[in-house]
Amino acid sequence: MTYNTILVQLDVDAPSGPRLAFAWELARRFEANMIAFSAADISIFIPGDLDGSAAAEAMRYQVQDIEERQDAMKKEFDAIVGDDNRATWRAVVGDPTAFLALHARAADLIVIAPGLSESFGRRRTVDAGSLILSAGRPILMAGDELRPVKAENALVAWKDTREARRSVVDALPFLRSARDVLVAAVEENDRVAQSEGLADVVRFLLKHGVNARSQLLDAGSDDTASILADAARKAGADLIVSGGYGHTRLREWVFGGVTRGLLDDGSVHRLIAS
């Protein structure tokens, strides 16, 4: 597997240059195409007048504002990529999460970055948890400072689920070039079964040219996401690979548990698959 096309999401209310530069560097690293994508939606007003003209005018103004912001972002995009035909621009007025998931059909990897405050609402920025469920593509969530992804050392957060197995395959382009990949699981009830699972994953990665090793982590008193993040720091990893797993109930799976903990930890890049 390789990344032939990388799709990067841009917020209309946040600087686009750093995110574009981050994704463009990644695209050049993998000799991939890049699609820069922007979407924002309008607020729906309940008419306060008889003919609804005031509400219609307010919505028209919102559309114009979004399109003007996107035009300015397009100029910044052009300044960064120049006339390189491997980079293309897409912009729509509509739900950011829904439209990004739709356009994911064109890409191998989606890049999102530190999001806006929740006060902006889902009309102006992507909801990462919902995107993980709906995109059908691996999501690379960049760290807070948008440093380039070195991935010389990486950590695979292992739990024997479909999502974790998917993440290992989806991350292979990064893992193959890493000097050291630690496959780590947090200790649960059956240590023997966990150790056997870790050994299988390491063997799988070795057969795919990845320099991998494993470690069963002491559960201790911290939450699982914190234990994994601490193990990544000790291993010198700037990339954590994880499945979008958690509790069985849908809302808990998206908004709680290990997945939410990893999404909230901006100290490291995270590649999450579902």
C-alpha atoms as a PDB file:
ATOM      1  CA  MET A   1       0.000   0.000   0.000  1.00  0.00           C
ATOM      2  CA  THR A   2       1.024   3.593  -0.622  1.00  0.00           C
ATOM      3  CA  TYR A   3      -0.569   7.021  -0.379  1.00  0.00           C
ATOM      4  CA  ASN A   4      -1.208   8.216  -3.909  1.00  0.00           C
ATOM      5  CA  THR A   5      -3.582  11.028  -2.949  1.00  0.00           C
ATOM      6  CA  ILE A   6      -3.706  13.002   0.293  1.00  0.00           C
ATOM      7  CA  LEU A   7      -6.782  15.066   1.170  1.00  0.00           C
ATOM      8  CA  VAL A   8      -6.243  17.955   3.597  1.00  0.00           C
ATOM      9  CA  GLN A   9      -9.117  19.709   5.334  1.00  0.00           C
ATOM     10  CA  LEU A  10      -9.036  23.489   5.844  1.00  0.00           C
ATOM     11  CA  ASP A  11     -11.175  25.643   8.142  1.00  0.00           C
ATOM     12  CA  VAL A  12     -12.513  28.933   6.791  1.00  0.00           C
ATOM     13  CA  ASP A  13     -11.969  30.569  10.209  1.00  0.00           C
ATOM     14  CA  ALA A  14      -8.372  29.434  10.771  1.00  0.00           C
ATOM     15  CA  PRO A  15      -5.066  30.132   8.992  1.00  0.00           C
ATOM     16  CA  SER A  16      -4.738  27.727   6.085  1.00  0.00           C
ATOM     17  CA  GLY A  17      -1.043  28.242   5.277  1.00  0.00           C
ATOM     18  CA  PRO A  18       0.471  26.065   8.023  1.00  0.00           C
ATOM     19  CA  ARG A  19      -1.934  23.216   7.341  1.00  0.00           C
ATOM     20  CA  LEU A  20      -1.358  23.415   3.587  1.00  0.00           C
ATOM     21  CA  ALA A  21       2.423  23.433   4.056  1.00  0.00           C
ATOM     22  CA  PHE A  22       2.191  20.431   6.395  1.00  0.00           C
ATOM     23  CA  ALA A  23       0.115  18.381   3.933  1.00  0.00           C
ATOM     24  CA  TRP A  24       2.132  19.472   0.896  1.00  0.00           C
ATOM     25  CA  GLU A  25       5.368  18.346   2.537  1.00  0.00           C
ATOM     26  CA  LEU A  26       3.704  15.001   3.262  1.00  0.00           C
ATOM     27  CA  ALA A  27       2.485  14.679  -0.329  1.00  0.00           C
ATOM     28  CA  ARG A  28       5.964  15.347  -1.703  1.00  0.00           C
ATOM     29  CA  ARG A  29       7.419  12.802   0.708  1.00  0.00           C
ATOM     30  CA  PHE A  30       5.161  10.074  -0.698  1.00  0.00           C
ATOM     31  CA  GLU A  31       5.223  11.467  -4.270  1.00  0.00           C
ATOM     32  CA  ALA A  32       1.468  11.801  -3.919  1.00  0.00           C
ATOM     33  CA  ASN A  33      -1.165  14.169  -5.229  1.00  0.00           C
ATOM     34  CA  MET A  34      -2.772  16.566  -2.766  1.00  0.00           C
ATOM     35  CA  ILE A  35      -6.359  17.767  -2.647  1.00  0.00           C
ATOM     36  CA  ALA A  36      -6.979  20.844  -0.496  1.00  0.00           C
ATOM     37  CA  PHE A  37     -10.583  20.916   0.684  1.00  0.00           C
ATOM     38  CA  SER A  38     -12.646  23.579   2.413  1.00  0.00           C
ATOM     39  CA  ALA A  39     -16.286  23.477   3.505  1.00  0.00           C
ATOM     40  CA  ALA A  40     -18.419  25.574   5.840  1.00  0.00           C
ATOM     41  CA  ASP A  41     -22.173  25.780   6.236  1.00  0.00           C
ATOM     42  CA  ILE A  42     -24.598  28.601   6.908  1.00  0.00           C
ATOM     43  CA  SER A  43     -26.964  29.086   9.820  1.00  0.00           C
ATOM     44  CA  ILE A  44     -30.637  28.656   9.016  1.00  0.00           C
ATOM     45  CA  PHE A  45     -32.772  31.567  10.144  1.00  0.00           C
ATOM     46  CA  ILE A  46     -36.450  31.352  11.046  1.00  0.00           C
ATOM     47  CA  PRO A  47     -38.196  34.166   9.141  1.00  0.00           C
ATOM     48  CA  GLY A  48     -39.289  36.998  11.382  1.00  0.00           C
ATOM     49  CA  ASP A  49     -41.081  38.845   8.628  1.00  0.00           C
ATOM     50  CA  LEU A  50     -44.046  37.892   6.509  1.00  0.00           C
ATOM     51  CA  ASP A  51     -42.244  37.177   3.261  1.00  0.00           C
ATOM     52  CA  GLY A  52     -39.009  35.785   4.735  1.00  0.00           C
ATOM     53  CA  SER A  53     -36.866  38.265   2.795  1.00  0.00           C
ATOM     54  CA  ALA A  54     -34.768  39.257   5.808  1.00  0.00           C
ATOM     55  CA  ALA A  55     -33.840  35.634   6.550  1.00  0.00           C
ATOM     56  CA  ALA A  56     -33.062  34.999   2.872  1.00  0.00           C
ATOM     57  CA  GLU A  57     -30.803  38.052   2.766  1.00  0.00           C
ATOM     58  CA  ALA A  58     -28.986  36.957   5.925  1.00  0.00           C
ATOM     59  CA  MET A  59     -28.321  33.505   4.452  1.00  0.00           C
ATOM     60  CA  ARG A  60     -27.193  35.023   1.156  1.00  0.00           C
ATOM     61  CA  TYR A  61     -24.701  37.158   3.083  1.00  0.00           C
ATOM     62  CA  GLN A  62     -23.364  34.072   4.894  1.00  0.00           C
ATOM     63  CA  VAL A  63     -22.811  32.230   1.615  1.00  0.00           C
ATOM     64  CA  GLN A  64     -20.998  35.251   0.196  1.00  0.00           C
ATOM     65  CA  ASP A  65     -18.795  35.478   3.298  1.00  0.00           C
ATOM     66  CA  ILE A  66     -17.835  31.792   3.097  1.00  0.00           C
ATOM     67  CA  GLU A  67     -17.043  32.007  -0.609  1.00  0.00           C
ATOM     68  CA  GLU A  68     -14.913  35.138  -0.105  1.00  0.00           C
ATOM     69  CA  ARG A  69     -12.952  33.384   2.643  1.00  0.00           C
ATOM     70  CA  GLN A  70     -12.454  30.369   0.390  1.00  0.00           C
ATOM     71  CA  ASP A  71     -11.271  32.601  -2.456  1.00  0.00           C
ATOM     72  CA  ALA A  72      -8.623  34.057  -0.144  1.00  0.00           C
ATOM     73  CA  MET A  73      -7.595  30.536   0.922  1.00  0.00           C
ATOM     74  CA  LYS A  74      -7.319  29.517  -2.732  1.00  0.00           C
ATOM     75  CA  LYS A  75      -4.815  32.334  -3.291  1.00  0.00           C
ATOM     76  CA  GLU A  76      -2.739  31.051  -0.361  1.00  0.00           C
ATOM     77  CA  PHE A  77      -2.984  27.532  -1.814  1.00  0.00           C
ATOM     78  CA  ASP A  78      -1.708  28.807  -5.184  1.00  0.00           C
ATOM     79  CA  ALA A  79       1.194  30.574  -3.484  1.00  0.00           C
ATOM     80  CA  ILE A  80       2.289  27.369  -1.753  1.00  0.00           C
ATOM     81  CA  VAL A  81       1.908  24.813  -4.564  1.00  0.00           C
ATOM     82  CA  GLY A  82       2.633  27.095  -7.515  1.00  0.00           C
ATOM     83  CA  ASP A  83       1.750  25.554 -10.853  1.00  0.00           C
ATOM     84  CA  ASP A  84       2.332  21.956  -9.715  1.00  0.00           C
ATOM     85  CA  ASN A  85      -0.498  19.942 -11.242  1.00  0.00           C
ATOM     86  CA  ARG A  86      -0.290  17.344  -8.476  1.00  0.00           C
ATOM     87  CA  ALA A  87      -2.201  19.721  -6.198  1.00  0.00           C
ATOM     88  CA  THR A  88      -5.876  20.577  -6.685  1.00  0.00           C
ATOM     89  CA  TRP A  89      -8.398  22.758  -4.878  1.00  0.00           C
ATOM     90  CA  ARG A  90     -11.981  21.944  -3.844  1.00  0.00           C
ATOM     91  CA  ALA A  91     -14.401  24.157  -1.921  1.00  0.00           C
ATOM     92  CA  VAL A  92     -18.101  23.833  -1.139  1.00  0.00           C
ATOM     93  CA  VAL A  93     -20.722  25.512   1.015  1.00  0.00           C
ATOM     94  CA  GLY A  94     -22.149  22.777   3.211  1.00  0.00           C
ATOM     95  CA  ASP A  95     -21.600  20.575   6.246  1.00  0.00           C
ATOM     96  CA  PRO A  96     -17.793  20.258   6.699  1.00  0.00           C
ATOM     97  CA  THR A  97     -17.793  16.730   8.137  1.00  0.00           C
ATOM     98  CA  ALA A  98     -20.330  15.284   5.709  1.00  0.00           C
ATOM     99  CA  PHE A  99     -18.701  16.782   2.633  1.00  0.00           C
ATOM    100  CA  LEU A 100     -15.163  15.857   3.707  1.00  0.00           C
ATOM    101  CA  ALA A 101     -16.310  12.247   4.194  1.00  0.00           C
ATOM    102  CA  LEU A 102     -17.902  12.351   0.738  1.00  0.00           C
ATOM    103  CA  HIS A 103     -14.755  13.652  -0.944  1.00  0.00           C
ATOM    104  CA  ALA A 104     -12.673  11.037   0.904  1.00  0.00           C
ATOM    105  CA  ARG A 105     -13.575   8.742  -2.003  1.00  0.00           C
ATOM    106  CA  ALA A 106     -10.790  10.500  -3.962  1.00  0.00           C
ATOM    107  CA  ALA A 107      -8.010   9.964  -1.418  1.00  0.00           C
ATOM    108  CA  ASP A 108      -5.910   7.360   0.373  1.00  0.00           C
ATOM    109  CA  LEU A 109      -5.310   9.474   3.477  1.00  0.00           C
ATOM    110  CA  ILE A 110      -7.155  12.383   5.106  1.00  0.00           C
ATOM    111  CA  VAL A 111      -5.198  15.027   6.996  1.00  0.00           C
ATOM    112  CA  ILE A 112      -6.895  17.121   9.634  1.00  0.00           C
ATOM    113  CA  ALA A 113      -5.226  19.448  12.097  1.00  0.00           C
ATOM    114  CA  PRO A 114      -5.880  21.105  15.446  1.00  0.00           C
ATOM    115  CA  GLY A 115      -9.478  22.196  15.225  1.00  0.00           C
ATOM    116  CA  LEU A 116     -11.312  25.343  16.097  1.00  0.00           C
ATOM    117  CA  SER A 117     -12.998  25.929  19.403  1.00  0.00           C
ATOM    118  CA  GLU A 118     -16.279  24.064  19.825  1.00  0.00           C
ATOM    119  CA  SER A 119     -17.937  27.488  20.022  1.00  0.00           C
ATOM    120  CA  PHE A 120     -17.637  27.643  16.224  1.00  0.00           C
ATOM    121  CA  GLY A 121     -19.949  24.652  15.960  1.00  0.00           C
ATOM    122  CA  ARG A 122     -20.062  21.885  13.387  1.00  0.00           C
ATOM    123  CA  ARG A 123     -21.070  24.261  10.615  1.00  0.00           C
ATOM    124  CA  ARG A 124     -17.555  25.720  10.527  1.00  0.00           C
ATOM    125  CA  THR A 125     -15.197  22.859  11.314  1.00  0.00           C
ATOM    126  CA  VAL A 126     -14.940  19.082  11.134  1.00  0.00           C
ATOM    127  CA  ASP A 127     -16.041  16.811  13.962  1.00  0.00           C
ATOM    128  CA  ALA A 128     -13.169  14.331  14.154  1.00  0.00           C
ATOM    129  CA  GLY A 129     -15.106  11.569  15.888  1.00  0.00           C
ATOM    130  CA  SER A 130     -17.908  11.572  13.323  1.00  0.00           C
ATOM    131  CA  LEU A 131     -15.370  11.732  10.488  1.00  0.00           C
ATOM    132  CA  ILE A 132     -13.610   8.606  11.773  1.00  0.00           C
ATOM    133  CA  LEU A 133     -16.914   6.742  11.597  1.00  0.00           C
ATOM    134  CA  SER A 134     -17.983   7.978   8.182  1.00  0.00           C
ATOM    135  CA  ALA A 135     -14.920   8.546   5.982  1.00  0.00           C
ATOM    136  CA  GLY A 136     -13.820   4.968   5.299  1.00  0.00           C
ATOM    137  CA  ARG A 137     -10.238   6.239   5.066  1.00  0.00           C
ATOM    138  CA  PRO A 138      -7.416   6.571   7.613  1.00  0.00           C
ATOM    139  CA  ILE A 139      -7.325   9.944   9.336  1.00  0.00           C
ATOM    140  CA  LEU A 140      -3.993  11.586  10.137  1.00  0.00           C
ATOM    141  CA  MET A 141      -4.626  14.123  12.888  1.00  0.00           C
ATOM    142  CA  ALA A 142      -1.629  16.413  13.040  1.00  0.00           C
ATOM    143  CA  GLY A 143      -0.097  17.470  16.328  1.00  0.00           C
ATOM    144  CA  ASP A 144      -0.810  20.919  17.708  1.00  0.00           C
ATOM    145  CA  GLU A 145       2.375  22.515  16.367  1.00  0.00           C
ATOM    146  CA  LEU A 146       2.098  21.014  12.868  1.00  0.00           C
ATOM    147  CA  ARG A 147       5.669  19.787  12.871  1.00  0.00           C
ATOM    148  CA  PRO A 148       6.536  17.542   9.903  1.00  0.00           C
ATOM    149  CA  VAL A 149       5.809  13.853  10.488  1.00  0.00           C
ATOM    150  CA  LYS A 150       9.215  12.241  10.873  1.00  0.00           C
ATOM    151  CA  ALA A 151       7.867   8.846  12.004  1.00  0.00           C
ATOM    152  CA  GLU A 152      11.431   7.636  12.557  1.00  0.00           C
ATOM    153  CA  ASN A 153       9.959   6.051  15.654  1.00  0.00           C
ATOM    154  CA  ALA A 154       6.272   5.117  15.820  1.00  0.00           C
ATOM    155  CA  LEU A 155       3.940   3.411  18.247  1.00  0.00           C
ATOM    156  CA  VAL A 156       1.104   1.096  17.220  1.00  0.00           C
ATOM    157  CA  ALA A 157      -1.575   1.133  19.924  1.00  0.00           C
ATOM    158  CA  TRP A 158      -2.737  -2.458  19.727  1.00  0.00           C
ATOM    159  CA  LYS A 159      -6.067  -3.897  20.787  1.00  0.00           C
ATOM    160  CA  ASP A 160      -7.330  -6.996  18.997  1.00  0.00           C
ATOM    161  CA  THR A 161     -10.167  -5.335  17.104  1.00  0.00           C
ATOM    162  CA  ARG A 162     -11.074  -4.921  13.451  1.00  0.00           C
ATOM    163  CA  GLU A 163     -10.263  -1.217  13.668  1.00  0.00           C
ATOM    164  CA  ALA A 164      -6.770  -1.801  15.053  1.00  0.00           C
ATOM    165  CA  ARG A 165      -6.028  -4.406  12.382  1.00  0.00           C
ATOM    166  CA  ARG A 166      -7.181  -1.931   9.742  1.00  0.00           C
ATOM    167  CA  SER A 167      -4.961   0.807  11.175  1.00  0.00           C
ATOM    168  CA  VAL A 168      -1.817  -1.339  10.936  1.00  0.00           C
ATOM    169  CA  VAL A 169      -2.349  -1.854   7.221  1.00  0.00           C
ATOM    170  CA  ASP A 170      -3.355   1.760   6.595  1.00  0.00           C
ATOM    171  CA  ALA A 171      -0.196   3.013   8.318  1.00  0.00           C
ATOM    172  CA  LEU A 172       2.263   0.803   6.398  1.00  0.00           C
ATOM    173  CA  PRO A 173       3.654   3.644   4.241  1.00  0.00           C
ATOM    174  CA  PHE A 174       4.806   5.363   7.444  1.00  0.00           C
ATOM    175  CA  LEU A 175       5.828   2.216   9.298  1.00  0.00           C
ATOM    176  CA  ARG A 176       8.027   0.803   6.526  1.00  0.00           C
ATOM    177  CA  SER A 177      10.293   3.833   6.644  1.00  0.00           C
ATOM    178  CA  ALA A 178      10.507   3.963  10.464  1.00  0.00           C
ATOM    179  CA  ARG A 179      13.688   2.924  12.251  1.00  0.00           C
ATOM    180  CA  ASP A 180      11.727   1.478  15.174  1.00  0.00           C
ATOM    181  CA  VAL A 181       8.042   0.579  15.558  1.00  0.00           C
ATOM    182  CA  LEU A 182       6.755  -0.368  18.988  1.00  0.00           C
ATOM    183  CA  VAL A 183       3.544  -2.411  18.996  1.00  0.00           C
ATOM    184  CA  ALA A 184       2.130  -1.769  22.449  1.00  0.00           C
ATOM    185  CA  ALA A 185      -0.932  -3.029  24.304  1.00  0.00           C
ATOM    186  CA  VAL A 186      -2.152  -2.084  27.749  1.00  0.00           C
ATOM    187  CA  GLU A 187      -2.408  -5.107  30.029  1.00  0.00           C
ATOM    188  CA  GLU A 188      -5.868  -6.611  30.440  1.00  0.00           C
ATOM    189  CA  ASN A 189      -7.074  -9.903  31.931  1.00  0.00           C
ATOM    190  CA  ASP A 190      -5.501 -12.485  29.628  1.00  0.00           C
ATOM    191  CA  ARG A 191      -1.795 -11.689  29.354  1.00  0.00           C
ATOM    192  CA  VAL A 192      -1.055 -14.873  27.405  1.00  0.00           C
ATOM    193  CA  ALA A 193      -3.606 -14.087  24.705  1.00  0.00           C
ATOM    194  CA  GLN A 194      -2.412 -10.480  24.509  1.00  0.00           C
ATOM    195  CA  SER A 195       1.221 -11.568  24.166  1.00  0.00           C
ATOM    196  CA  GLU A 196       0.308 -13.997  21.397  1.00  0.00           C
ATOM    197  CA  GLY A 197      -1.591 -11.247  19.599  1.00  0.00           C
ATOM    198  CA  LEU A 198       1.314  -8.840  19.849  1.00  0.00           C
ATOM    199  CA  ALA A 199       3.668 -11.491  18.499  1.00  0.00           C
ATOM    200  CA  ASP A 200       1.403 -12.049  15.501  1.00  0.00           C
ATOM    201  CA  VAL A 201       1.298  -8.329  14.715  1.00  0.00           C
ATOM    202  CA  VAL A 202       5.079  -8.056  14.960  1.00  0.00           C
ATOM    203  CA  ARG A 203       5.505 -11.038  12.618  1.00  0.00           C
ATOM    204  CA  PHE A 204       3.035  -9.470  10.172  1.00  0.00           C
ATOM    205  CA  LEU A 205       4.932  -6.196  10.185  1.00  0.00           C
ATOM    206  CA  LEU A 206       8.320  -7.874   9.820  1.00  0.00           C
ATOM    207  CA  LYS A 207       7.051  -9.645   6.700  1.00  0.00           C
ATOM    208  CA  HIS A 208       6.092  -6.221   5.333  1.00  0.00           C
ATOM    209  CA  GLY A 209       9.550  -4.787   5.882  1.00  0.00           C
ATOM    210  CA  VAL A 210       8.834  -3.018   9.172  1.00  0.00           C
ATOM    211  CA  ASN A 211      11.384  -3.034  11.996  1.00  0.00           C
ATOM    212  CA  ALA A 212       8.890  -3.880  14.740  1.00  0.00           C
ATOM    213  CA  ARG A 213       8.973  -5.020  18.347  1.00  0.00           C
ATOM    214  CA  SER A 214       6.287  -5.390  21.026  1.00  0.00           C
ATOM    215  CA  GLN A 215       5.608  -4.455  24.627  1.00  0.00           C
ATOM    216  CA  LEU A 216       2.773  -5.240  27.031  1.00  0.00           C
ATOM    217  CA  LEU A 217       2.265  -2.141  29.151  1.00  0.00           C
ATOM    218  CA  ASP A 218       1.332  -2.143  32.825  1.00  0.00           C
ATOM    219  CA  ALA A 219      -2.217  -0.847  33.216  1.00  0.00           C
ATOM    220  CA  GLY A 220      -1.289   1.141  36.334  1.00  0.00           C
ATOM    221  CA  SER A 221      -3.666   3.852  37.526  1.00  0.00           C
ATOM    222  CA  ASP A 222      -3.760   6.091  34.427  1.00  0.00           C
ATOM    223  CA  ASP A 223      -6.274   5.865  31.620  1.00  0.00           C
ATOM    224  CA  THR A 224      -5.301   3.839  28.556  1.00  0.00           C
ATOM    225  CA  ALA A 225      -4.771   6.836  26.280  1.00  0.00           C
ATOM    226  CA  SER A 226      -2.354   8.420  28.775  1.00  0.00           C
ATOM    227  CA  ILE A 227      -0.431   5.154  29.158  1.00  0.00           C
ATOM    228  CA  LEU A 228      -0.050   4.859  25.385  1.00  0.00           C
ATOM    229  CA  ALA A 229       0.989   8.511  25.025  1.00  0.00           C
ATOM    230  CA  ASP A 230       3.593   8.055  27.762  1.00  0.00           C
ATOM    231  CA  ALA A 231       4.947   4.936  26.044  1.00  0.00           C
ATOM    232  CA  ALA A 232       5.179   6.880  22.788  1.00  0.00           C
ATOM    233  CA  ARG A 233       7.192   9.629  24.471  1.00  0.00           C
ATOM    234  CA  LYS A 234       9.568   7.102  26.040  1.00  0.00           C
ATOM    235  CA  ALA A 235      10.049   5.467  22.631  1.00  0.00           C
ATOM    236  CA  GLY A 236      10.740   8.837  21.012  1.00  0.00           C
ATOM    237  CA  ALA A 237       7.727   8.355  18.716  1.00  0.00           C
ATOM    238  CA  ASP A 238       6.043  11.307  17.040  1.00  0.00           C
ATOM    239  CA  LEU A 239       3.322   9.110  15.496  1.00  0.00           C
ATOM    240  CA  ILE A 240       0.733   6.907  17.210  1.00  0.00           C
ATOM    241  CA  VAL A 241      -1.222   4.461  15.052  1.00  0.00           C
ATOM    242  CA  SER A 242      -4.560   3.369  16.443  1.00  0.00           C
ATOM    243  CA  GLY A 243      -7.914   1.918  15.574  1.00  0.00           C
ATOM    244  CA  GLY A 244     -10.972   4.004  16.347  1.00  0.00           C
ATOM    245  CA  TYR A 245     -12.061   1.623  19.069  1.00  0.00           C
ATOM    246  CA  GLY A 246     -13.667   2.019  22.452  1.00  0.00           C
ATOM    247  CA  HIS A 247     -16.913   0.982  24.096  1.00  0.00           C
ATOM    248  CA  THR A 248     -19.552  -0.862  22.133  1.00  0.00           C
ATOM    249  CA  ARG A 249     -22.238   1.805  22.258  1.00  0.00           C
ATOM    250  CA  LEU A 250     -21.893   4.094  19.268  1.00  0.00           C
ATOM    251  CA  ARG A 251     -21.733   7.475  21.010  1.00  0.00           C
ATOM    252  CA  GLU A 252     -19.276   6.174  23.609  1.00  0.00           C
ATOM    253  CA  TRP A 253     -17.143   4.762  20.804  1.00  0.00           C
ATOM    254  CA  VAL A 254     -16.940   8.122  19.041  1.00  0.00           C
ATOM    255  CA  PHE A 255     -16.862  10.576  21.900  1.00  0.00           C
ATOM    256  CA  GLY A 256     -15.359   8.650  24.798  1.00  0.00           C
ATOM    257  CA  GLY A 257     -12.747   6.090  25.713  1.00  0.00           C
ATOM    258  CA  VAL A 258      -9.323   5.629  24.198  1.00  0.00           C
ATOM    259  CA  THR A 259     -10.214   7.186  20.843  1.00  0.00           C
ATOM    260  CA  ARG A 260     -11.308  10.441  22.430  1.00  0.00           C
ATOM    261  CA  GLY A 261      -8.218  10.466  24.632  1.00  0.00           C
ATOM    262  CA  LEU A 262      -5.956  10.136  21.592  1.00  0.00           C
ATOM    263  CA  LEU A 263      -7.876  12.772  19.642  1.00  0.00           C
ATOM    264  CA  ASP A 264      -7.427  15.217  22.502  1.00  0.00           C
ATOM    265  CA  ASP A 265      -3.657  14.646  22.836  1.00  0.00           C
ATOM    266  CA  GLY A 266      -2.072  17.139  20.476  1.00  0.00           C
ATOM    267  CA  SER A 267       1.496  16.430  21.589  1.00  0.00           C
ATOM    268  CA  VAL A 268       1.896  13.755  18.898  1.00  0.00           C
ATOM    269  CA  HIS A 269       0.622  12.964  15.408  1.00  0.00           C
ATOM    270  CA  ARG A 270      -2.125  10.304  15.376  1.00  0.00           C
ATOM    271  CA  LEU A 271      -3.179   8.034  12.514  1.00  0.00           C
ATOM    272  CA  ILE A 272      -6.598   6.561  13.291  1.00  0.00           C
ATOM    273  CA  ALA A 273      -8.559   4.065  11.205  1.00  0.00           C
ATOM    274  CA  SER A 274     -11.976   2.475  11.629  1.00  0.00           C
END
